[in-house]
């Protein structure tokens, strides 16, 4: 009878310890998820990735077209085509709205023959 009473006292203690461990794990998980959500509100993610553009322009207007892009952009590839046209592959580090503004400003620019976003999945 004595042995049965000892086991009966340790079983609830074991169950309580198990619930305590799972409660600590759930609490830590909720705190981490809450901290991540708060960080998205206080410091929202920003698309500042590198975008690869293909730009075609007349050869004599190359320097003018190159000046349209930010100073931190670099040229990856240059191809001379027939009829004095140069195609340049430029990697620009800019946000998506800056890229949209750049493309919108150059719609009526006669120095630029074409600007194509290469890293876009649709192209």
C-alpha atoms as a PDB file:
ATOM      1  CA  UNK A   1       0.000   0.000   0.000  1.00  0.00           C
ATOM      2  CA  UNK A   2       2.884   2.309   0.768  1.00  0.00           C
ATOM      3  CA  UNK A   3       4.365   1.834  -2.739  1.00  0.00           C
ATOM      4  CA  UNK A   4       1.062   2.802  -4.395  1.00  0.00           C
ATOM      5  CA  UNK A   5       0.906   6.062  -2.463  1.00  0.00           C
ATOM      6  CA  UNK A   6       4.437   7.078  -3.507  1.00  0.00           C
ATOM      7  CA  UNK A   7       3.611   6.620  -7.207  1.00  0.00           C
ATOM      8  CA  UNK A   8       0.349   8.493  -6.805  1.00  0.00           C
ATOM      9  CA  UNK A   9       2.203  11.540  -5.439  1.00  0.00           C
ATOM     10  CA  UNK A  10       4.877  11.684  -8.171  1.00  0.00           C
ATOM     11  CA  UNK A  11       2.534  11.337 -11.139  1.00  0.00           C
ATOM     12  CA  UNK A  12       0.759  14.712 -10.679  1.00  0.00           C
ATOM     13  CA  UNK A  13       4.142  16.387 -10.146  1.00  0.00           C
ATOM     14  CA  UNK A  14       5.389  14.920 -13.439  1.00  0.00           C
ATOM     15  CA  UNK A  15       2.251  16.059 -15.245  1.00  0.00           C
ATOM     16  CA  UNK A  16       2.598  19.571 -13.818  1.00  0.00           C
ATOM     17  CA  UNK A  17       6.247  19.741 -14.904  1.00  0.00           C
ATOM     18  CA  UNK A  18       5.254  18.632 -18.393  1.00  0.00           C
ATOM     19  CA  UNK A  19       2.572  21.332 -18.586  1.00  0.00           C
ATOM     20  CA  UNK A  20       5.112  23.854 -17.303  1.00  0.00           C
ATOM     21  CA  UNK A  21       7.565  22.987 -20.085  1.00  0.00           C
ATOM     22  CA  UNK A  22       4.924  23.232 -22.811  1.00  0.00           C
ATOM     23  CA  UNK A  23       3.644  26.498 -21.306  1.00  0.00           C
ATOM     24  CA  UNK A  24       7.168  27.981 -21.453  1.00  0.00           C
ATOM     25  CA  UNK A  25       7.564  26.857 -25.080  1.00  0.00           C
ATOM     26  CA  UNK A  26       4.202  28.356 -26.091  1.00  0.00           C
ATOM     27  CA  UNK A  27       4.990  31.613 -24.268  1.00  0.00           C
ATOM     28  CA  UNK A  28       8.395  31.952 -25.981  1.00  0.00           C
ATOM     29  CA  UNK A  29       6.847  31.231 -29.384  1.00  0.00           C
ATOM     30  CA  UNK A  30       4.142  33.847 -28.883  1.00  0.00           C
ATOM     31  CA  UNK A  31       6.700  36.419 -27.730  1.00  0.00           C
ATOM     32  CA  UNK A  32       8.894  35.818 -30.791  1.00  0.00           C
ATOM     33  CA  UNK A  33       5.957  36.016 -33.217  1.00  0.00           C
ATOM     34  CA  UNK A  34       4.744  39.215 -31.538  1.00  0.00           C
ATOM     35  CA  UNK A  35       8.233  40.749 -31.720  1.00  0.00           C
ATOM     36  CA  UNK A  36       8.481  39.952 -35.442  1.00  0.00           C
ATOM     37  CA  UNK A  37       5.078  41.527 -36.130  1.00  0.00           C
ATOM     38  CA  UNK A  38       5.989  44.642 -34.173  1.00  0.00           C
ATOM     39  CA  UNK A  39       9.277  44.944 -36.059  1.00  0.00           C
ATOM     40  CA  UNK A  40       7.400  44.906 -39.390  1.00  0.00           C
ATOM     41  CA  UNK A  41       5.274  47.837 -38.207  1.00  0.00           C
ATOM     42  CA  UNK A  42       8.145  49.867 -36.749  1.00  0.00           C
ATOM     43  CA  UNK A  43      10.658  49.130 -39.528  1.00  0.00           C
ATOM     44  CA  UNK A  44       8.788  47.972 -42.639  1.00  0.00           C
ATOM     45  CA  UNK A  45      10.708  45.922 -45.198  1.00  0.00           C
ATOM     46  CA  UNK A  46      11.985  47.865 -48.174  1.00  0.00           C
ATOM     47  CA  UNK A  47      12.732  46.610 -51.655  1.00  0.00           C
ATOM     48  CA  UNK A  48      16.279  47.881 -52.173  1.00  0.00           C
ATOM     49  CA  UNK A  49      17.416  44.980 -54.239  1.00  0.00           C
ATOM     50  CA  UNK A  50      19.492  45.174 -57.343  1.00  0.00           C
ATOM     51  CA  UNK A  51      17.541  45.432 -60.569  1.00  0.00           C
ATOM     52  CA  UNK A  52      19.056  44.537 -63.911  1.00  0.00           C
ATOM     53  CA  UNK A  53      18.078  46.779 -66.815  1.00  0.00           C
ATOM     54  CA  UNK A  54      18.769  46.484 -70.507  1.00  0.00           C
ATOM     55  CA  UNK A  55      19.116  49.928 -72.100  1.00  0.00           C
ATOM     56  CA  UNK A  56      19.468  50.694 -75.810  1.00  0.00           C
ATOM     57  CA  UNK A  57      20.589  54.099 -77.026  1.00  0.00           C
ATOM     58  CA  UNK A  58      22.491  55.719 -79.900  1.00  0.00           C
ATOM     59  CA  UNK A  59      26.251  55.415 -79.455  1.00  0.00           C
ATOM     60  CA  UNK A  60      26.836  59.192 -79.356  1.00  0.00           C
ATOM     61  CA  UNK A  61      24.204  59.593 -76.578  1.00  0.00           C
ATOM     62  CA  UNK A  62      25.671  56.913 -74.301  1.00  0.00           C
ATOM     63  CA  UNK A  63      27.149  59.307 -71.712  1.00  0.00           C
ATOM     64  CA  UNK A  64      23.870  61.217 -71.489  1.00  0.00           C
ATOM     65  CA  UNK A  65      21.922  58.006 -70.931  1.00  0.00           C
ATOM     66  CA  UNK A  66      24.491  56.714 -68.416  1.00  0.00           C
ATOM     67  CA  UNK A  67      23.994  59.904 -66.357  1.00  0.00           C
ATOM     68  CA  UNK A  68      20.277  59.068 -65.951  1.00  0.00           C
ATOM     69  CA  UNK A  69      21.081  56.166 -63.626  1.00  0.00           C
ATOM     70  CA  UNK A  70      22.304  56.439 -60.017  1.00  0.00           C
ATOM     71  CA  UNK A  71      26.030  56.683 -59.338  1.00  0.00           C
ATOM     72  CA  UNK A  72      25.976  53.359 -57.469  1.00  0.00           C
ATOM     73  CA  UNK A  73      24.838  51.454 -60.568  1.00  0.00           C
ATOM     74  CA  UNK A  74      27.349  49.570 -62.691  1.00  0.00           C
ATOM     75  CA  UNK A  75      27.517  48.265 -66.242  1.00  0.00           C
ATOM     76  CA  UNK A  76      27.665  44.502 -66.641  1.00  0.00           C
ATOM     77  CA  UNK A  77      27.576  44.155 -70.402  1.00  0.00           C
ATOM     78  CA  UNK A  78      27.940  46.415 -73.435  1.00  0.00           C
ATOM     79  CA  UNK A  79      26.969  45.360 -76.956  1.00  0.00           C
ATOM     80  CA  UNK A  80      27.372  47.424 -80.096  1.00  0.00           C
ATOM     81  CA  UNK A  81      24.673  46.710 -82.591  1.00  0.00           C
ATOM     82  CA  UNK A  82      24.274  47.840 -86.173  1.00  0.00           C
ATOM     83  CA  UNK A  83      23.103  51.404 -87.004  1.00  0.00           C
ATOM     84  CA  UNK A  84      25.260  52.942 -84.206  1.00  0.00           C
ATOM     85  CA  UNK A  85      23.070  51.535 -81.410  1.00  0.00           C
ATOM     86  CA  UNK A  86      24.540  50.423 -78.087  1.00  0.00           C
ATOM     87  CA  UNK A  87      22.808  47.959 -75.753  1.00  0.00           C
ATOM     88  CA  UNK A  88      23.949  48.123 -72.156  1.00  0.00           C
ATOM     89  CA  UNK A  89      23.100  45.880 -69.249  1.00  0.00           C
ATOM     90  CA  UNK A  90      23.079  47.986 -66.064  1.00  0.00           C
ATOM     91  CA  UNK A  91      22.659  46.762 -62.508  1.00  0.00           C
ATOM     92  CA  UNK A  92      20.986  49.417 -60.336  1.00  0.00           C
ATOM     93  CA  UNK A  93      20.519  49.266 -56.586  1.00  0.00           C
ATOM     94  CA  UNK A  94      17.252  51.132 -56.074  1.00  0.00           C
ATOM     95  CA  UNK A  95      13.807  50.662 -54.619  1.00  0.00           C
ATOM     96  CA  UNK A  96      10.909  49.625 -56.825  1.00  0.00           C
ATOM     97  CA  UNK A  97       9.264  53.082 -56.656  1.00  0.00           C
ATOM     98  CA  UNK A  98      12.545  54.767 -57.666  1.00  0.00           C
ATOM     99  CA  UNK A  99      12.794  52.393 -60.602  1.00  0.00           C
ATOM    100  CA  UNK A 100       9.210  53.160 -61.600  1.00  0.00           C
ATOM    101  CA  UNK A 101       9.940  56.894 -61.427  1.00  0.00           C
ATOM    102  CA  UNK A 102      13.080  56.470 -63.547  1.00  0.00           C
ATOM    103  CA  UNK A 103      11.191  54.585 -66.227  1.00  0.00           C
ATOM    104  CA  UNK A 104       8.313  57.076 -66.191  1.00  0.00           C
ATOM    105  CA  UNK A 105      10.647  60.067 -66.593  1.00  0.00           C
ATOM    106  CA  UNK A 106      12.289  58.560 -69.674  1.00  0.00           C
ATOM    107  CA  UNK A 107       9.191  57.758 -71.701  1.00  0.00           C
ATOM    108  CA  UNK A 108       9.609  60.887 -73.849  1.00  0.00           C
ATOM    109  CA  UNK A 109      13.419  60.928 -73.779  1.00  0.00           C
ATOM    110  CA  UNK A 110      14.611  60.612 -77.387  1.00  0.00           C
ATOM    111  CA  UNK A 111      18.126  59.619 -76.280  1.00  0.00           C
ATOM    112  CA  UNK A 112      16.798  56.331 -74.898  1.00  0.00           C
ATOM    113  CA  UNK A 113      15.553  53.830 -77.463  1.00  0.00           C
ATOM    114  CA  UNK A 114      14.453  51.191 -74.959  1.00  0.00           C
ATOM    115  CA  UNK A 115      14.700  50.281 -71.279  1.00  0.00           C
ATOM    116  CA  UNK A 116      13.798  46.750 -70.285  1.00  0.00           C
ATOM    117  CA  UNK A 117      13.738  45.244 -66.810  1.00  0.00           C
ATOM    118  CA  UNK A 118      15.573  41.936 -67.115  1.00  0.00           C
ATOM    119  CA  UNK A 119      15.101  40.626 -63.559  1.00  0.00           C
ATOM    120  CA  UNK A 120      11.321  40.796 -63.945  1.00  0.00           C
ATOM    121  CA  UNK A 121       9.838  37.250 -64.120  1.00  0.00           C
ATOM    122  CA  UNK A 122       7.540  38.340 -66.983  1.00  0.00           C
ATOM    123  CA  UNK A 123      10.453  39.145 -69.320  1.00  0.00           C
END
